[in-house]
C-alpha atoms as a PDB file:
ATOM      1  CA  MET A   1      50.701 125.423  82.794  1.00  0.00           C
ATOM      2  CA  ASN A   2      51.637 125.489  86.305  1.00  0.00           C
ATOM      3  CA  ASN A   3      52.522 121.661  86.548  1.00  0.00           C
ATOM      4  CA  THR A   4      53.815 121.491  82.336  1.00  0.00           C
ATOM      5  CA  LEU A   5      57.914 120.319  82.701  1.00  0.00           C
ATOM      6  CA  GLU A   6      59.524 122.582  78.964  1.00  0.00           C
ATOM      7  CA  ILE A   7      63.061 121.114  77.498  1.00  0.00           C
ATOM      8  CA  ARG A   8      64.779 122.398  74.829  1.00  0.00           C
ATOM      9  CA  TRP A   9      67.664 120.433  72.701  1.00  0.00           C
ATOM     10  CA  HIS A  10      70.294 121.574  70.835  1.00  0.00           C
ATOM     11  CA  GLY A  11      72.641 119.942  68.307  1.00  0.00           C
ATOM     12  CA  ARG A  12      73.760 119.484  64.804  1.00  0.00           C
ATOM     13  CA  GLY A  13      72.182 117.627  62.557  1.00  0.00           C
ATOM     14  CA  GLY A  14      72.784 113.785  62.116  1.00  0.00           C
ATOM     15  CA  GLN A  15      73.654 114.096  65.950  1.00  0.00           C
ATOM     16  CA  GLY A  16      70.289 113.346  67.245  1.00  0.00           C
ATOM     17  CA  ALA A  17      68.945 115.655  69.394  1.00  0.00           C
ATOM     18  CA  LYS A  18      65.124 115.367  67.647  1.00  0.00           C
ATOM     19  CA  THR A  19      65.484 111.708  67.604  1.00  0.00           C
ATOM     20  CA  ALA A  20      66.353 111.962  71.469  1.00  0.00           C
ATOM     21  CA  ALA A  21      63.033 114.652  72.498  1.00  0.00           C
ATOM     22  CA  LEU A  22      60.682 112.108  70.632  1.00  0.00           C
ATOM     23  CA  LEU A  23      62.119 108.898  72.231  1.00  0.00           C
ATOM     24  CA  LEU A  24      61.511 111.335  75.946  1.00  0.00           C
ATOM     25  CA  ALA A  25      58.104 111.698  74.771  1.00  0.00           C
ATOM     26  CA  ASP A  26      57.420 107.942  73.978  1.00  0.00           C
ATOM     27  CA  VAL A  27      58.570 107.609  77.033  1.00  0.00           C
ATOM     28  CA  ALA A  28      57.200 110.068  79.037  1.00  0.00           C
ATOM     29  CA  PHE A  29      53.849 108.967  77.374  1.00  0.00           C
ATOM     30  CA  MET A  30      54.421 105.626  78.130  1.00  0.00           C
ATOM     31  CA  THR A  31      53.974 105.938  81.990  1.00  0.00           C
ATOM     32  CA  GLY A  32      51.058 108.130  81.372  1.00  0.00           C
ATOM     33  CA  LYS A  33      51.788 111.737  81.077  1.00  0.00           C
ATOM     34  CA  ASN A  34      51.216 113.827  78.708  1.00  0.00           C
ATOM     35  CA  VAL A  35      53.302 114.931  75.943  1.00  0.00           C
ATOM     36  CA  GLN A  36      54.763 116.895  72.757  1.00  0.00           C
ATOM     37  CA  GLY A  37      58.158 116.033  71.433  1.00  0.00           C
ATOM     38  CA  PHE A  38      59.754 118.094  68.356  1.00  0.00           C
ATOM     39  CA  PRO A  39      62.109 120.096  66.543  1.00  0.00           C
ATOM     40  CA  GLU A  40      61.698 123.484  64.495  1.00  0.00           C
ATOM     41  CA  TYR A  41      62.439 123.119  61.394  1.00  0.00           C
ATOM     42  CA  GLY A  42      64.619 125.208  58.959  1.00  0.00           C
ATOM     43  CA  PRO A  43      67.096 123.835  56.192  1.00  0.00           C
ATOM     44  CA  GLU A  44      68.480 121.894  58.494  1.00  0.00           C
ATOM     45  CA  ARG A  45      70.895 118.795  56.506  1.00  0.00           C
ATOM     46  CA  MET A  46      73.606 117.143  58.029  1.00  0.00           C
ATOM     47  CA  GLY A  47      76.127 119.652  60.717  1.00  0.00           C
ATOM     48  CA  ALA A  48      73.797 122.791  60.383  1.00  0.00           C
ATOM     49  CA  PRO A  49      71.903 123.664  63.909  1.00  0.00           C
ATOM     50  CA  ILE A  50      69.069 122.202  65.074  1.00  0.00           C
ATOM     51  CA  THR A  51      66.785 122.923  67.977  1.00  0.00           C
ATOM     52  CA  ALA A  52      64.307 120.284  69.361  1.00  0.00           C
ATOM     53  CA  PHE A  53      60.985 120.485  71.913  1.00  0.00           C
ATOM     54  CA  ASN A  54      59.857 118.265  74.683  1.00  0.00           C
ATOM     55  CA  ARG A  55      56.447 119.870  76.875  1.00  0.00           C
ATOM     56  CA  ILE A  56      55.566 116.869  79.734  1.00  0.00           C
ATOM     57  CA  SER A  57      52.518 116.708  82.220  1.00  0.00           C
ATOM     58  CA  GLN A  58      50.754 115.858  84.235  1.00  0.00           C
ATOM     59  CA  ASP A  59      47.719 117.671  82.212  1.00  0.00           C
ATOM     60  CA  PRO A  60      46.526 118.084  78.806  1.00  0.00           C
ATOM     61  CA  ILE A  61      48.876 120.033  76.815  1.00  0.00           C
ATOM     62  CA  ARG A  62      46.816 123.130  74.951  1.00  0.00           C
ATOM     63  CA  VAL A  63      49.883 124.990  73.729  1.00  0.00           C
ATOM     64  CA  HIS A  64      51.364 124.239  70.447  1.00  0.00           C
ATOM     65  CA  SER A  65      54.311 126.611  69.845  1.00  0.00           C
ATOM     66  CA  ASN A  66      58.161 126.390  70.205  1.00  0.00           C
ATOM     67  CA  ILE A  67      59.129 126.505  73.862  1.00  0.00           C
ATOM     68  CA  TYR A  68      60.922 130.693  74.375  1.00  0.00           C
ATOM     69  CA  GLU A  69      61.238 129.881  78.606  1.00  0.00           C
ATOM     70  CA  PRO A  70      62.511 126.619  79.239  1.00  0.00           C
ATOM     71  CA  ASP A  71      62.706 125.173  82.600  1.00  0.00           C
ATOM     72  CA  PHE A  72      66.070 123.017  81.623  1.00  0.00           C
ATOM     73  CA  VAL A  73      67.749 123.117  78.011  1.00  0.00           C
ATOM     74  CA  ALA A  74      69.981 120.149  76.504  1.00  0.00           C
ATOM     75  CA  VAL A  75      72.867 121.263  74.145  1.00  0.00           C
ATOM     76  CA  VAL A  76      73.958 118.403  72.265  1.00  0.00           C
ATOM     77  CA  ASP A  77      77.213 119.399  70.941  1.00  0.00           C
ATOM     78  CA  GLU A  78      78.965 122.171  73.108  1.00  0.00           C
ATOM     79  CA  THR A  79      80.637 123.753  69.683  1.00  0.00           C
ATOM     80  CA  LEU A  80      76.928 125.824  69.688  1.00  0.00           C
ATOM     81  CA  LEU A  81      78.096 127.092  73.601  1.00  0.00           C
ATOM     82  CA  ALA A  82      79.321 129.686  70.592  1.00  0.00           C
ATOM     83  CA  SER A  83      77.339 130.496  68.603  1.00  0.00           C
ATOM     84  CA  VAL A  84      73.701 129.815  69.742  1.00  0.00           C
ATOM     85  CA  ASN A  85      72.877 132.218  72.699  1.00  0.00           C
ATOM     86  CA  VAL A  86      71.731 128.636  73.900  1.00  0.00           C
ATOM     87  CA  THR A  87      70.441 129.800  77.728  1.00  0.00           C
ATOM     88  CA  ASP A  88      67.949 131.566  75.851  1.00  0.00           C
ATOM     89  CA  GLY A  89      64.993 132.536  77.946  1.00  0.00           C
ATOM     90  CA  LEU A  90      65.998 129.163  80.112  1.00  0.00           C
ATOM     91  CA  SER A  91      64.955 129.843  84.064  1.00  0.00           C
ATOM     92  CA  GLU A  92      67.513 130.190  86.755  1.00  0.00           C
ATOM     93  CA  GLN A  93      65.431 127.743  88.896  1.00  0.00           C
ATOM     94  CA  GLY A  94      66.417 124.991  86.143  1.00  0.00           C
ATOM     95  CA  ALA A  95      68.828 123.440  84.361  1.00  0.00           C
ATOM     96  CA  ILE A  96      71.459 123.282  80.969  1.00  0.00           C
ATOM     97  CA  ILE A  97      73.593 119.668  80.727  1.00  0.00           C
ATOM     98  CA  ILE A  98      75.929 120.162  78.489  1.00  0.00           C
ATOM     99  CA  ASN A  99      77.628 116.968  76.530  1.00  0.00           C
ATOM    100  CA  THR A 100      81.596 117.912  77.158  1.00  0.00           C
ATOM    101  CA  PRO A 101      84.325 116.778  78.682  1.00  0.00           C
ATOM    102  CA  LYS A 102      85.029 119.618  80.778  1.00  0.00           C
ATOM    103  CA  SER A 103      83.714 120.255  84.058  1.00  0.00           C
ATOM    104  CA  ALA A 104      80.520 123.082  84.680  1.00  0.00           C
ATOM    105  CA  GLU A 105      82.421 125.439  85.765  1.00  0.00           C
ATOM    106  CA  GLU A 106      84.733 125.081  82.578  1.00  0.00           C
ATOM    107  CA  VAL A 107      81.786 126.269  80.046  1.00  0.00           C
ATOM    108  CA  ARG A 108      80.391 128.748  82.877  1.00  0.00           C
ATOM    109  CA  GLY A 109      81.851 131.398  80.958  1.00  0.00           C
ATOM    110  CA  GLN A 110      80.268 130.114  77.754  1.00  0.00           C
ATOM    111  CA  LEU A 111      76.420 130.693  79.120  1.00  0.00           C
ATOM    112  CA  ARG A 112      76.432 134.543  78.673  1.00  0.00           C
ATOM    113  CA  GLY A 113      75.619 135.333  82.002  1.00  0.00           C
ATOM    114  CA  TYR A 114      73.584 132.218  82.961  1.00  0.00           C
ATOM    115  CA  GLN A 115      73.847 131.584  86.764  1.00  0.00           C
ATOM    116  CA  GLY A 116      71.508 128.287  87.717  1.00  0.00           C
ATOM    117  CA  LYS A 117      73.182 125.340  88.049  1.00  0.00           C
ATOM    118  CA  VAL A 118      75.348 124.216  84.903  1.00  0.00           C
ATOM    119  CA  ILE A 119      76.217 119.728  84.326  1.00  0.00           C
ATOM    120  CA  THR A 120      77.700 119.094  82.228  1.00  0.00           C
ATOM    121  CA  ILE A 121      79.128 115.253  80.969  1.00  0.00           C
ATOM    122  CA  ASP A 122      80.908 113.911  78.514  1.00  0.00           C
ATOM    123  CA  ALA A 123      77.821 111.861  75.924  1.00  0.00           C
ATOM    124  CA  ARG A 124      80.065 111.379  73.729  1.00  0.00           C
ATOM    125  CA  GLY A 125      83.033 109.541  75.347  1.00  0.00           C
ATOM    126  CA  ILE A 126      80.164 107.455  77.339  1.00  0.00           C
ATOM    127  CA  SER A 127      78.709 106.444  74.047  1.00  0.00           C
ATOM    128  CA  GLU A 128      82.446 105.658  72.580  1.00  0.00           C
ATOM    129  CA  HIS A 129      83.218 103.470  75.516  1.00  0.00           C
ATOM    130  CA  THR A 130      79.816 101.292  75.515  1.00  0.00           C
ATOM    131  CA  LEU A 131      79.067 101.772  71.966  1.00  0.00           C
ATOM    132  CA  GLY A 132      82.350 102.271  69.598  1.00  0.00           C
ATOM    133  CA  LYS A 133      81.019 105.302  68.200  1.00  0.00           C
ATOM    134  CA  ASN A 134      80.492 108.783  69.009  1.00  0.00           C
ATOM    135  CA  PHE A 135      76.159 108.316  69.709  1.00  0.00           C
ATOM    136  CA  PRO A 136      76.137 111.607  71.692  1.00  0.00           C
ATOM    137  CA  ASN A 137      71.616 110.818  72.678  1.00  0.00           C
ATOM    138  CA  THR A 138      72.037 108.064  74.071  1.00  0.00           C
ATOM    139  CA  PRO A 139      73.436 109.606  76.619  1.00  0.00           C
ATOM    140  CA  MET A 140      72.191 113.354  77.202  1.00  0.00           C
ATOM    141  CA  LEU A 141      68.285 110.986  77.117  1.00  0.00           C
ATOM    142  CA  ALA A 142      68.802 109.442  80.395  1.00  0.00           C
ATOM    143  CA  ALA A 143      71.072 112.873  81.655  1.00  0.00           C
ATOM    144  CA  VAL A 144      68.431 114.859  81.200  1.00  0.00           C
ATOM    145  CA  VAL A 145      66.174 112.202  82.254  1.00  0.00           C
ATOM    146  CA  ALA A 146      67.597 111.974  86.021  1.00  0.00           C
ATOM    147  CA  VAL A 147      68.660 115.857  86.297  1.00  0.00           C
ATOM    148  CA  THR A 148      64.503 116.826  85.170  1.00  0.00           C
ATOM    149  CA  GLY A 149      62.942 114.071  87.498  1.00  0.00           C
ATOM    150  CA  VAL A 150      60.670 114.098  84.530  1.00  0.00           C
ATOM    151  CA  MET A 151      59.809 109.968  85.763  1.00  0.00           C
ATOM    152  CA  LYS A 152      61.542 107.450  87.992  1.00  0.00           C
ATOM    153  CA  LYS A 153      65.134 105.886  87.075  1.00  0.00           C
ATOM    154  CA  ASP A 154      62.603 102.186  86.283  1.00  0.00           C
ATOM    155  CA  ASP A 155      60.083 103.168  84.868  1.00  0.00           C
ATOM    156  CA  PHE A 156      62.652 104.716  82.266  1.00  0.00           C
ATOM    157  CA  PHE A 157      65.109 102.674  82.309  1.00  0.00           C
ATOM    158  CA  LYS A 158      61.860  99.886  81.819  1.00  0.00           C
ATOM    159  CA  GLN A 159      60.451 101.883  78.936  1.00  0.00           C
ATOM    160  CA  MET A 160      63.851 102.368  76.859  1.00  0.00           C
ATOM    161  CA  LYS A 161      64.376  98.398  77.125  1.00  0.00           C
ATOM    162  CA  ASP A 162      61.562  98.194  75.650  1.00  0.00           C
ATOM    163  CA  SER A 163      61.686 100.791  72.821  1.00  0.00           C
ATOM    164  CA  PHE A 164      65.805  99.117  72.335  1.00  0.00           C
ATOM    165  CA  ALA A 165      64.199  96.107  71.701  1.00  0.00           C
ATOM    166  CA  HIS A 166      61.242  97.117  68.988  1.00  0.00           C
ATOM    167  CA  LYS A 167      64.118  99.743  67.194  1.00  0.00           C
ATOM    168  CA  PHE A 168      66.655  96.992  67.476  1.00  0.00           C
ATOM    169  CA  ALA A 169      65.395  93.799  67.070  1.00  0.00           C
ATOM    170  CA  LYS A 170      66.788  92.813  63.849  1.00  0.00           C
ATOM    171  CA  LYS A 171      70.670  94.528  66.018  1.00  0.00           C
ATOM    172  CA  PRO A 172      69.694  92.619  69.580  1.00  0.00           C
ATOM    173  CA  GLN A 173      73.467  93.271  70.157  1.00  0.00           C
ATOM    174  CA  VAL A 174      73.413  96.936  69.760  1.00  0.00           C
ATOM    175  CA  ILE A 175      70.221  96.982  72.645  1.00  0.00           C
ATOM    176  CA  ASP A 176      73.129  96.755  75.176  1.00  0.00           C
ATOM    177  CA  GLY A 177      75.329  98.744  74.583  1.00  0.00           C
ATOM    178  CA  ASN A 178      72.292 101.128  74.793  1.00  0.00           C
ATOM    179  CA  MET A 179      71.344 100.038  77.812  1.00  0.00           C
ATOM    180  CA  LYS A 180      75.235 100.437  79.561  1.00  0.00           C
ATOM    181  CA  ALA A 181      75.087 104.416  78.052  1.00  0.00           C
ATOM    182  CA  LEU A 182      71.756 105.117  79.400  1.00  0.00           C
ATOM    183  CA  GLU A 183      72.621 103.763  82.601  1.00  0.00           C
ATOM    184  CA  MET A 184      76.570 105.264  83.015  1.00  0.00           C
ATOM    185  CA  ALA A 185      74.979 108.732  81.894  1.00  0.00           C
ATOM    186  CA  TYR A 186      72.053 108.520  84.483  1.00  0.00           C
ATOM    187  CA  MET A 187      74.033 107.909  87.264  1.00  0.00           C
ATOM    188  CA  VAL A 188      76.878 110.452  86.302  1.00  0.00           C
ATOM    189  CA  ALA A 189      74.423 113.470  85.955  1.00  0.00           C
ATOM    190  CA  GLU A 190      72.978 112.048  89.463  1.00  0.00           C
ATOM    191  CA  LYS A 191      76.099 112.463  90.905  1.00  0.00           C
ATOM    192  CA  ALA A 192      75.825 115.910  89.091  1.00  0.00           C
ATOM    193  CA  ILE A 193      73.125 117.744  90.962  1.00  0.00           C
END
């Protein structure tokens, strides 16, 4: 699976990590890629740790299992750094993207010796600024796309705008805020690479 990009998401129930993984699969599929986007089901409840996964490839994907050696990890809730080994199996040629207002240097000590690239993004701050509420999954999705380079920026924004237009057909006023959240997060992540 040399042409396959594997991403593992860590979050808490209700924060949208599963939704972000599924949205990433949808938009990557719309750009012609083969995709998988799925959560790991267990006793999930609001606030409990959850894991979701993406596989994205130009080639057919024949593996159907959780991802144990991801190229990239996205952490939607930084409190998980203290209780979950989020870097387990993570390639040091990839990166970990963490939702936190702290710098990469400030959180590196919590990453159990991980020596790869650490990208931090204040997804909560971005979502509160653009949406008025804490919806960290939208900015985290943009950061993951920027850091992984899984698709062209213009393709991503076009597909997301189409997706939001469909999803929020009855609430078009939220489309602009979500697009602004994506743009702001993408720009922050692009600078951090």
